[in-house]
Amino acid sequence: MKTLGTKIAEYRKLKGMTQDELAKRLNVSAQAVSKWENDLSIPDLTILIELADLFNVSLDELIRQKENNEVVRMVDEKLRKPIEEMMLKVIVDSKDGDKVRVNLPMTLIKAGLALGMTMPEVNGKEALMGIDMEQILNLVEQGLTGRLIEVDTADGEHVEVFVE
C-alpha cells in the first residue's frame, strides 16, 4: 500500500517536476511539499483537488492507501506502469463451489499470444474461452486498467478479469 506522500512524490516525478516547481504551482512552500512526501503532514482539501487534477488522477485514487481495482480507467502514458510490472487477474467461482484465482504477468500473456495460445478452460467450464486476450493486451498497452470483465452466467458461474 502506498501512502499519500509516496503517491505525491511518485506523480510529481512522473510529471518531471521538482518539489520547488510543484510548490510554486500550488502556491505553497517547498518545505510543505517535502512534509507531504515524507508523510509528516497532508495537504488541505483544496490542494488535494489541485494535485489530483494536476496528476490526472481521481481524488479517490490519490488519497486512498489501497488500490481501487474496481474502476476501469485509462491511465495517462506518463503515469502508466511498465507492462512488465502489470498483472492480469482472473477470478472464477463456479456454481459447484470451485474457486479459481489466476494471476498472470502481462509479459506472459504477450509471449503466449505470440505463440498462438488462447485462454484455457477452467475445471471443464468454458467461462473464459470467449475472452479475447489479444484485445485485452492491446487495451492494456493503451493504458486501460481495473476490472475489465465481470460476468454472472445463467448457470451460476461468476467470472471477473482485472488488470493492475
N, C-alpha and C. Protein backbone atom coordinates (compact mmCIF):
# COMPACT_ATOMS: atom_id res chain seq x y z
N MET A 1 0.84 -1.19 0.00
CA MET A 1 0.00 0.00 0.00
C MET A 1 0.88 1.25 0.00
N LYS A 2 0.55 2.16 -0.87
CA LYS A 2 1.30 3.40 -0.96
C LYS A 2 0.63 4.47 -0.12
N THR A 3 1.43 5.24 0.57
CA THR A 3 0.91 6.35 1.35
C THR A 3 0.64 7.54 0.43
N LEU A 4 -0.09 8.51 0.94
CA LEU A 4 -0.36 9.73 0.18
C LEU A 4 0.95 10.40 -0.20
N GLY A 5 1.87 10.48 0.75
CA GLY A 5 3.16 11.13 0.47
C GLY A 5 3.92 10.43 -0.63
N THR A 6 3.93 9.11 -0.60
CA THR A 6 4.62 8.34 -1.64
C THR A 6 3.99 8.60 -3.00
N LYS A 7 2.66 8.66 -3.04
CA LYS A 7 1.96 8.91 -4.30
C LYS A 7 2.26 10.31 -4.83
N ILE A 8 2.25 11.29 -3.95
CA ILE A 8 2.55 12.66 -4.39
C ILE A 8 3.95 12.72 -5.01
N ALA A 9 4.92 12.12 -4.32
CA ALA A 9 6.30 12.12 -4.83
C ALA A 9 6.38 11.39 -6.17
N GLU A 10 5.72 10.25 -6.26
CA GLU A 10 5.76 9.45 -7.48
C GLU A 10 5.13 10.21 -8.66
N TYR A 11 3.94 10.77 -8.44
CA TYR A 11 3.28 11.51 -9.51
C TYR A 11 4.07 12.76 -9.89
N ARG A 12 4.63 13.44 -8.91
CA ARG A 12 5.43 14.64 -9.19
C ARG A 12 6.61 14.29 -10.09
N LYS A 13 7.31 13.20 -9.76
CA LYS A 13 8.47 12.78 -10.55
C LYS A 13 8.06 12.35 -11.95
N LEU A 14 6.91 11.68 -12.06
CA LEU A 14 6.42 11.29 -13.38
C LEU A 14 6.11 12.49 -14.25
N LYS A 15 5.70 13.58 -13.61
CA LYS A 15 5.45 14.83 -14.34
C LYS A 15 6.74 15.59 -14.63
N GLY A 16 7.86 15.07 -14.11
CA GLY A 16 9.15 15.72 -14.34
C GLY A 16 9.32 17.00 -13.55
N MET A 17 8.66 17.09 -12.40
CA MET A 17 8.71 18.31 -11.59
C MET A 17 9.58 18.11 -10.36
N THR A 18 10.22 19.20 -9.93
CA THR A 18 10.93 19.19 -8.65
C THR A 18 9.94 19.57 -7.55
N GLN A 19 10.35 19.40 -6.30
CA GLN A 19 9.50 19.84 -5.20
C GLN A 19 9.27 21.35 -5.28
N ASP A 20 10.31 22.10 -5.64
CA ASP A 20 10.18 23.56 -5.77
C ASP A 20 9.16 23.93 -6.85
N GLU A 21 9.22 23.24 -7.99
CA GLU A 21 8.29 23.54 -9.07
C GLU A 21 6.85 23.23 -8.67
N LEU A 22 6.65 22.11 -7.99
CA LEU A 22 5.31 21.77 -7.53
C LEU A 22 4.82 22.79 -6.50
N ALA A 23 5.71 23.19 -5.61
CA ALA A 23 5.36 24.18 -4.59
C ALA A 23 4.91 25.50 -5.24
N LYS A 24 5.66 25.97 -6.22
CA LYS A 24 5.30 27.22 -6.90
C LYS A 24 3.96 27.08 -7.61
N ARG A 25 3.74 25.93 -8.24
CA ARG A 25 2.49 25.70 -8.96
C ARG A 25 1.27 25.74 -8.03
N LEU A 26 1.48 25.30 -6.77
CA LEU A 26 0.38 25.24 -5.80
C LEU A 26 0.37 26.41 -4.83
N ASN A 27 1.34 27.34 -4.99
CA ASN A 27 1.46 28.49 -4.09
C ASN A 27 1.66 28.07 -2.64
N VAL A 28 2.56 27.09 -2.44
CA VAL A 28 2.95 26.66 -1.10
C VAL A 28 4.47 26.63 -1.05
N SER A 29 5.02 26.36 0.10
CA SER A 29 6.47 26.30 0.22
C SER A 29 6.99 24.93 -0.20
N ALA A 30 8.25 24.88 -0.59
CA ALA A 30 8.89 23.61 -0.93
C ALA A 30 8.95 22.73 0.32
N GLN A 31 9.06 23.36 1.49
CA GLN A 31 9.06 22.62 2.75
C GLN A 31 7.73 21.90 2.96
N ALA A 32 6.63 22.54 2.57
CA ALA A 32 5.31 21.89 2.69
C ALA A 32 5.25 20.65 1.81
N VAL A 33 5.73 20.76 0.58
CA VAL A 33 5.74 19.61 -0.34
C VAL A 33 6.60 18.50 0.25
N SER A 34 7.76 18.84 0.79
CA SER A 34 8.64 17.85 1.41
C SER A 34 7.94 17.14 2.56
N LYS A 35 7.23 17.89 3.38
CA LYS A 35 6.50 17.29 4.51
C LYS A 35 5.42 16.33 4.02
N TRP A 36 4.71 16.71 2.94
CA TRP A 36 3.68 15.82 2.39
C TRP A 36 4.32 14.51 1.92
N GLU A 37 5.41 14.66 1.17
CA GLU A 37 6.04 13.49 0.57
C GLU A 37 6.67 12.57 1.61
N ASN A 38 7.00 13.12 2.76
CA ASN A 38 7.56 12.31 3.84
C ASN A 38 6.50 11.92 4.87
N ASP A 39 5.25 12.14 4.53
CA ASP A 39 4.11 11.78 5.38
C ASP A 39 4.17 12.41 6.77
N LEU A 40 4.69 13.65 6.82
CA LEU A 40 4.74 14.38 8.08
C LEU A 40 3.53 15.30 8.22
N SER A 41 2.88 15.59 7.09
CA SER A 41 1.64 16.37 7.08
C SER A 41 0.89 16.03 5.80
N ILE A 42 -0.35 16.52 5.72
CA ILE A 42 -1.12 16.30 4.49
C ILE A 42 -1.64 17.63 3.98
N PRO A 43 -1.81 17.73 2.66
CA PRO A 43 -2.32 18.98 2.09
C PRO A 43 -3.78 19.21 2.47
N ASP A 44 -4.20 20.48 2.43
CA ASP A 44 -5.60 20.83 2.61
C ASP A 44 -6.41 20.23 1.46
N LEU A 45 -7.71 20.11 1.66
CA LEU A 45 -8.58 19.52 0.65
C LEU A 45 -8.49 20.25 -0.69
N THR A 46 -8.46 21.57 -0.67
CA THR A 46 -8.39 22.31 -1.94
C THR A 46 -7.10 21.99 -2.70
N ILE A 47 -6.02 21.79 -1.96
CA ILE A 47 -4.74 21.45 -2.61
C ILE A 47 -4.77 20.00 -3.10
N LEU A 48 -5.41 19.11 -2.33
CA LEU A 48 -5.55 17.73 -2.79
C LEU A 48 -6.29 17.67 -4.12
N ILE A 49 -7.33 18.48 -4.25
CA ILE A 49 -8.08 18.53 -5.51
C ILE A 49 -7.20 19.04 -6.64
N GLU A 50 -6.42 20.09 -6.37
CA GLU A 50 -5.50 20.61 -7.37
C GLU A 50 -4.46 19.55 -7.77
N LEU A 51 -3.95 18.81 -6.77
CA LEU A 51 -2.97 17.76 -7.05
C LEU A 51 -3.58 16.67 -7.94
N ALA A 52 -4.79 16.25 -7.61
CA ALA A 52 -5.45 15.22 -8.41
C ALA A 52 -5.63 15.69 -9.85
N ASP A 53 -6.05 16.93 -10.01
CA ASP A 53 -6.21 17.48 -11.36
C ASP A 53 -4.87 17.57 -12.09
N LEU A 54 -3.86 18.05 -11.41
CA LEU A 54 -2.54 18.18 -12.00
C LEU A 54 -1.98 16.83 -12.43
N PHE A 55 -2.17 15.82 -11.59
CA PHE A 55 -1.62 14.49 -11.88
C PHE A 55 -2.55 13.64 -12.74
N ASN A 56 -3.73 14.20 -13.07
CA ASN A 56 -4.69 13.50 -13.91
C ASN A 56 -5.12 12.16 -13.31
N VAL A 57 -5.41 12.18 -12.00
CA VAL A 57 -5.93 11.01 -11.30
C VAL A 57 -7.15 11.46 -10.51
N SER A 58 -7.96 10.51 -10.09
CA SER A 58 -9.11 10.87 -9.27
C SER A 58 -8.62 11.20 -7.86
N LEU A 59 -9.40 11.98 -7.15
CA LEU A 59 -9.08 12.30 -5.76
C LEU A 59 -9.04 11.01 -4.94
N ASP A 60 -9.96 10.11 -5.22
CA ASP A 60 -10.01 8.82 -4.54
C ASP A 60 -8.71 8.04 -4.75
N GLU A 61 -8.25 8.00 -5.99
CA GLU A 61 -7.01 7.29 -6.30
C GLU A 61 -5.81 7.93 -5.61
N LEU A 62 -5.82 9.23 -5.49
CA LEU A 62 -4.71 9.93 -4.86
C LEU A 62 -4.65 9.67 -3.35
N ILE A 63 -5.79 9.73 -2.68
CA ILE A 63 -5.74 9.68 -1.21
C ILE A 63 -5.91 8.31 -0.60
N ARG A 64 -6.54 7.37 -1.30
CA ARG A 64 -6.72 6.04 -0.71
C ARG A 64 -5.40 5.29 -0.68
N GLN A 65 -5.17 4.57 0.41
CA GLN A 65 -3.95 3.79 0.51
C GLN A 65 -4.03 2.49 -0.26
N LYS A 66 -5.24 1.95 -0.41
CA LYS A 66 -5.36 0.72 -1.18
C LYS A 66 -5.69 1.06 -2.62
N GLU A 67 -5.25 0.20 -3.51
CA GLU A 67 -5.53 0.38 -4.93
C GLU A 67 -6.99 0.04 -5.17
N ASN A 68 -7.66 0.82 -5.99
CA ASN A 68 -9.04 0.53 -6.34
C ASN A 68 -9.06 -0.10 -7.72
N ASN A 69 -9.10 -1.44 -7.73
CA ASN A 69 -9.08 -2.16 -8.99
C ASN A 69 -10.46 -2.31 -9.59
N GLU A 70 -11.48 -1.81 -8.87
CA GLU A 70 -12.84 -1.93 -9.36
C GLU A 70 -13.08 -0.98 -10.53
N VAL A 71 -12.39 0.14 -10.54
CA VAL A 71 -12.63 1.18 -11.52
C VAL A 71 -11.81 0.93 -12.78
N VAL A 72 -12.50 0.93 -13.92
CA VAL A 72 -11.80 0.83 -15.20
C VAL A 72 -11.43 2.24 -15.60
N ARG A 73 -10.18 2.43 -15.94
CA ARG A 73 -9.74 3.77 -16.33
C ARG A 73 -8.59 3.69 -17.32
N MET A 74 -8.44 4.76 -18.07
CA MET A 74 -7.31 4.90 -18.98
C MET A 74 -6.27 5.74 -18.24
N VAL A 75 -5.08 5.19 -18.11
CA VAL A 75 -4.00 5.86 -17.39
C VAL A 75 -3.14 6.62 -18.40
N ASP A 76 -2.86 7.87 -18.06
CA ASP A 76 -2.01 8.70 -18.91
C ASP A 76 -0.68 7.99 -19.14
N GLU A 77 -0.16 8.13 -20.34
CA GLU A 77 1.07 7.42 -20.73
C GLU A 77 2.23 7.67 -19.76
N LYS A 78 2.36 8.89 -19.27
CA LYS A 78 3.45 9.21 -18.36
C LYS A 78 3.28 8.55 -16.99
N LEU A 79 2.06 8.18 -16.64
CA LEU A 79 1.78 7.61 -15.32
C LEU A 79 1.61 6.10 -15.33
N ARG A 80 1.69 5.48 -16.49
CA ARG A 80 1.49 4.03 -16.59
C ARG A 80 2.64 3.24 -16.01
N LYS A 81 2.30 2.11 -15.44
CA LYS A 81 3.33 1.15 -15.05
C LYS A 81 3.86 0.50 -16.32
N PRO A 82 5.12 0.10 -16.31
CA PRO A 82 5.61 -0.68 -17.45
C PRO A 82 4.82 -2.00 -17.52
N ILE A 83 4.57 -2.48 -18.71
CA ILE A 83 3.77 -3.70 -18.87
C ILE A 83 4.42 -4.88 -18.14
N GLU A 84 5.73 -4.82 -17.95
CA GLU A 84 6.45 -5.88 -17.23
C GLU A 84 6.04 -5.95 -15.76
N GLU A 85 5.45 -4.89 -15.24
CA GLU A 85 5.02 -4.86 -13.84
C GLU A 85 3.52 -5.08 -13.67
N MET A 86 2.81 -5.31 -14.78
CA MET A 86 1.36 -5.43 -14.71
C MET A 86 0.93 -6.90 -14.66
N MET A 87 -0.23 -7.10 -14.02
CA MET A 87 -0.77 -8.46 -13.86
C MET A 87 -2.20 -8.52 -14.38
N LEU A 88 -2.52 -9.67 -14.97
CA LEU A 88 -3.89 -10.00 -15.32
C LEU A 88 -4.38 -10.94 -14.24
N LYS A 89 -5.48 -10.59 -13.60
CA LYS A 89 -6.03 -11.42 -12.53
C LYS A 89 -7.41 -11.93 -12.96
N VAL A 90 -7.58 -13.23 -12.87
CA VAL A 90 -8.83 -13.86 -13.25
C VAL A 90 -9.40 -14.56 -12.03
N ILE A 91 -10.68 -14.32 -11.77
CA ILE A 91 -11.39 -14.96 -10.66
C ILE A 91 -12.57 -15.72 -11.25
N VAL A 92 -12.65 -17.00 -10.93
CA VAL A 92 -13.78 -17.81 -11.37
C VAL A 92 -14.36 -18.52 -10.15
N ASP A 93 -15.65 -18.31 -9.89
CA ASP A 93 -16.37 -19.01 -8.84
C ASP A 93 -17.46 -19.82 -9.52
N SER A 94 -17.38 -21.14 -9.40
CA SER A 94 -18.36 -21.99 -10.07
C SER A 94 -19.58 -22.22 -9.19
N LYS A 95 -20.66 -22.66 -9.80
CA LYS A 95 -21.88 -22.97 -9.05
C LYS A 95 -21.65 -24.16 -8.13
N ASP A 96 -20.63 -24.99 -8.44
CA ASP A 96 -20.31 -26.16 -7.63
C ASP A 96 -19.44 -25.82 -6.43
N GLY A 97 -19.07 -24.54 -6.30
CA GLY A 97 -18.25 -24.13 -5.16
C GLY A 97 -16.77 -24.04 -5.45
N ASP A 98 -16.36 -24.38 -6.68
CA ASP A 98 -14.94 -24.25 -7.03
C ASP A 98 -14.57 -22.78 -7.11
N LYS A 99 -13.40 -22.45 -6.59
CA LYS A 99 -12.89 -21.09 -6.64
C LYS A 99 -11.52 -21.13 -7.30
N VAL A 100 -11.39 -20.43 -8.41
CA VAL A 100 -10.12 -20.39 -9.14
C VAL A 100 -9.62 -18.96 -9.15
N ARG A 101 -8.36 -18.77 -8.78
CA ARG A 101 -7.72 -17.46 -8.80
C ARG A 101 -6.45 -17.59 -9.63
N VAL A 102 -6.34 -16.81 -10.69
CA VAL A 102 -5.18 -16.87 -11.57
C VAL A 102 -4.57 -15.48 -11.65
N ASN A 103 -3.26 -15.40 -11.42
CA ASN A 103 -2.51 -14.15 -11.56
C ASN A 103 -1.44 -14.37 -12.61
N LEU A 104 -1.57 -13.67 -13.73
CA LEU A 104 -0.63 -13.84 -14.83
C LEU A 104 0.07 -12.52 -15.15
N PRO A 105 1.39 -12.53 -15.19
CA PRO A 105 2.09 -11.32 -15.63
C PRO A 105 1.71 -11.00 -17.08
N MET A 106 1.51 -9.73 -17.39
CA MET A 106 1.13 -9.33 -18.74
C MET A 106 2.20 -9.73 -19.75
N THR A 107 3.47 -9.79 -19.33
CA THR A 107 4.51 -10.24 -20.27
C THR A 107 4.30 -11.69 -20.67
N LEU A 108 3.78 -12.51 -19.75
CA LEU A 108 3.48 -13.91 -20.08
C LEU A 108 2.32 -13.97 -21.07
N ILE A 109 1.32 -13.14 -20.89
CA ILE A 109 0.18 -13.07 -21.82
C ILE A 109 0.70 -12.69 -23.20
N LYS A 110 1.56 -11.68 -23.25
CA LYS A 110 2.11 -11.21 -24.51
C LYS A 110 2.89 -12.32 -25.21
N ALA A 111 3.72 -13.03 -24.45
CA ALA A 111 4.51 -14.13 -25.02
C ALA A 111 3.60 -15.26 -25.49
N GLY A 112 2.59 -15.57 -24.69
CA GLY A 112 1.65 -16.64 -25.06
C GLY A 112 0.91 -16.32 -26.34
N LEU A 113 0.48 -15.08 -26.49
CA LEU A 113 -0.22 -14.67 -27.71
C LEU A 113 0.69 -14.76 -28.92
N ALA A 114 1.97 -14.42 -28.73
CA ALA A 114 2.93 -14.51 -29.83
C ALA A 114 3.10 -15.96 -30.29
N LEU A 115 2.88 -16.90 -29.36
CA LEU A 115 2.98 -18.33 -29.69
C LEU A 115 1.64 -18.92 -30.14
N GLY A 116 0.58 -18.10 -30.16
CA GLY A 116 -0.72 -18.57 -30.62
C GLY A 116 -1.59 -19.22 -29.56
N MET A 117 -1.27 -19.00 -28.30
CA MET A 117 -2.07 -19.59 -27.22
C MET A 117 -3.39 -18.84 -27.04
N THR A 118 -4.39 -19.54 -26.50
CA THR A 118 -5.68 -18.92 -26.19
C THR A 118 -5.98 -19.15 -24.72
N MET A 119 -7.04 -18.52 -24.22
CA MET A 119 -7.44 -18.67 -22.82
C MET A 119 -7.93 -20.09 -22.60
N PRO A 120 -7.45 -20.76 -21.57
CA PRO A 120 -7.83 -22.16 -21.33
C PRO A 120 -9.20 -22.29 -20.67
N GLU A 121 -9.72 -23.51 -20.71
CA GLU A 121 -10.92 -23.82 -19.94
C GLU A 121 -10.51 -23.95 -18.49
N VAL A 122 -11.41 -23.64 -17.58
CA VAL A 122 -11.16 -23.81 -16.16
C VAL A 122 -12.11 -24.86 -15.63
N ASN A 123 -11.58 -25.93 -15.10
CA ASN A 123 -12.39 -27.00 -14.49
C ASN A 123 -13.47 -27.50 -15.45
N GLY A 124 -13.12 -27.64 -16.72
CA GLY A 124 -14.08 -28.16 -17.69
C GLY A 124 -15.11 -27.14 -18.13
N LYS A 125 -15.04 -25.94 -17.64
CA LYS A 125 -16.00 -24.89 -18.00
C LYS A 125 -15.41 -24.04 -19.10
N GLU A 126 -16.28 -23.48 -19.90
CA GLU A 126 -15.82 -22.63 -21.00
C GLU A 126 -16.00 -21.15 -20.67
N ALA A 127 -16.08 -20.82 -19.40
CA ALA A 127 -16.38 -19.45 -18.99
C ALA A 127 -15.36 -18.44 -19.51
N LEU A 128 -14.12 -18.85 -19.68
CA LEU A 128 -13.08 -17.91 -20.12
C LEU A 128 -12.76 -17.99 -21.60
N MET A 129 -13.31 -18.98 -22.30
CA MET A 129 -12.93 -19.22 -23.69
C MET A 129 -13.23 -18.05 -24.61
N GLY A 130 -14.28 -17.29 -24.31
CA GLY A 130 -14.67 -16.19 -25.19
C GLY A 130 -13.88 -14.91 -24.97
N ILE A 131 -12.95 -14.90 -24.03
CA ILE A 131 -12.19 -13.68 -23.74
C ILE A 131 -11.11 -13.50 -24.79
N ASP A 132 -11.11 -12.35 -25.43
CA ASP A 132 -10.12 -12.05 -26.48
C ASP A 132 -8.88 -11.45 -25.81
N MET A 133 -7.92 -12.30 -25.52
CA MET A 133 -6.72 -11.86 -24.80
C MET A 133 -5.90 -10.86 -25.61
N GLU A 134 -5.92 -11.00 -26.92
CA GLU A 134 -5.18 -10.04 -27.75
C GLU A 134 -5.78 -8.64 -27.62
N GLN A 135 -7.10 -8.57 -27.59
CA GLN A 135 -7.77 -7.28 -27.42
C GLN A 135 -7.47 -6.70 -26.04
N ILE A 136 -7.49 -7.54 -25.01
CA ILE A 136 -7.16 -7.07 -23.65
C ILE A 136 -5.74 -6.53 -23.62
N LEU A 137 -4.80 -7.26 -24.21
CA LEU A 137 -3.41 -6.81 -24.26
C LEU A 137 -3.31 -5.46 -24.97
N ASN A 138 -4.00 -5.30 -26.10
CA ASN A 138 -3.98 -4.03 -26.82
C ASN A 138 -4.50 -2.89 -25.96
N LEU A 139 -5.60 -3.14 -25.25
CA LEU A 139 -6.17 -2.10 -24.38
C LEU A 139 -5.24 -1.76 -23.23
N VAL A 140 -4.61 -2.77 -22.64
CA VAL A 140 -3.67 -2.54 -21.54
C VAL A 140 -2.47 -1.73 -22.04
N GLU A 141 -1.98 -2.05 -23.22
CA GLU A 141 -0.85 -1.29 -23.78
C GLU A 141 -1.23 0.16 -24.05
N GLN A 142 -2.53 0.43 -24.23
CA GLN A 142 -3.00 1.80 -24.42
C GLN A 142 -3.32 2.50 -23.11
N GLY A 143 -3.21 1.75 -21.97
CA GLY A 143 -3.37 2.37 -20.66
C GLY A 143 -4.60 1.96 -19.87
N LEU A 144 -5.37 0.98 -20.34
CA LEU A 144 -6.57 0.56 -19.62
C LEU A 144 -6.19 -0.32 -18.44
N THR A 145 -6.75 -0.01 -17.27
CA THR A 145 -6.54 -0.83 -16.07
C THR A 145 -7.85 -0.94 -15.31
N GLY A 146 -7.89 -1.84 -14.34
CA GLY A 146 -9.07 -2.01 -13.50
C GLY A 146 -9.81 -3.29 -13.83
N ARG A 147 -11.08 -3.35 -13.38
CA ARG A 147 -11.91 -4.53 -13.65
C ARG A 147 -12.44 -4.41 -15.07
N LEU A 148 -11.97 -5.28 -15.94
CA LEU A 148 -12.34 -5.22 -17.34
C LEU A 148 -13.60 -6.03 -17.64
N ILE A 149 -13.74 -7.14 -16.96
CA ILE A 149 -14.86 -8.04 -17.25
C ILE A 149 -15.44 -8.55 -15.94
N GLU A 150 -16.76 -8.58 -15.86
CA GLU A 150 -17.46 -9.24 -14.76
C GLU A 150 -18.71 -9.88 -15.35
N VAL A 151 -18.79 -11.20 -15.21
CA VAL A 151 -19.90 -11.94 -15.81
C VAL A 151 -20.50 -12.88 -14.77
N ASP A 152 -21.81 -12.87 -14.65
CA ASP A 152 -22.55 -13.87 -13.88
C ASP A 152 -23.41 -14.61 -14.89
N THR A 153 -23.10 -15.90 -15.09
CA THR A 153 -23.83 -16.67 -16.09
C THR A 153 -25.14 -17.20 -15.53
N ALA A 154 -26.01 -17.62 -16.42
CA ALA A 154 -27.32 -18.15 -16.02
C ALA A 154 -27.20 -19.42 -15.20
N ASP A 155 -26.10 -20.17 -15.41
CA ASP A 155 -25.95 -21.42 -14.65
C ASP A 155 -25.12 -21.25 -13.38
N GLY A 156 -24.93 -19.99 -12.94
CA GLY A 156 -24.32 -19.76 -11.63
C GLY A 156 -22.82 -19.53 -11.60
N GLU A 157 -22.19 -19.40 -12.75
CA GLU A 157 -20.75 -19.12 -12.78
C GLU A 157 -20.53 -17.61 -12.60
N HIS A 158 -19.45 -17.27 -11.93
CA HIS A 158 -19.07 -15.87 -11.75
C HIS A 158 -17.63 -15.72 -12.22
N VAL A 159 -17.38 -14.79 -13.14
CA VAL A 159 -16.04 -14.57 -13.71
C VAL A 159 -15.72 -13.08 -13.64
N GLU A 160 -14.50 -12.77 -13.16
CA GLU A 160 -14.01 -11.40 -13.17
C GLU A 160 -12.60 -11.40 -13.74
N VAL A 161 -12.29 -10.35 -14.51
CA VAL A 161 -10.95 -10.17 -15.05
C VAL A 161 -10.50 -8.75 -14.72
N PHE A 162 -9.36 -8.64 -14.03
CA PHE A 162 -8.76 -7.37 -13.64
C PHE A 162 -7.40 -7.23 -14.30
N VAL A 163 -7.00 -6.01 -14.51
CA VAL A 163 -5.61 -5.72 -14.88
C VAL A 163 -5.13 -4.64 -13.94
N GLU A 164 -3.98 -4.91 -13.31
CA GLU A 164 -3.40 -3.90 -12.40
C GLU A 164 -1.90 -3.87 -12.54
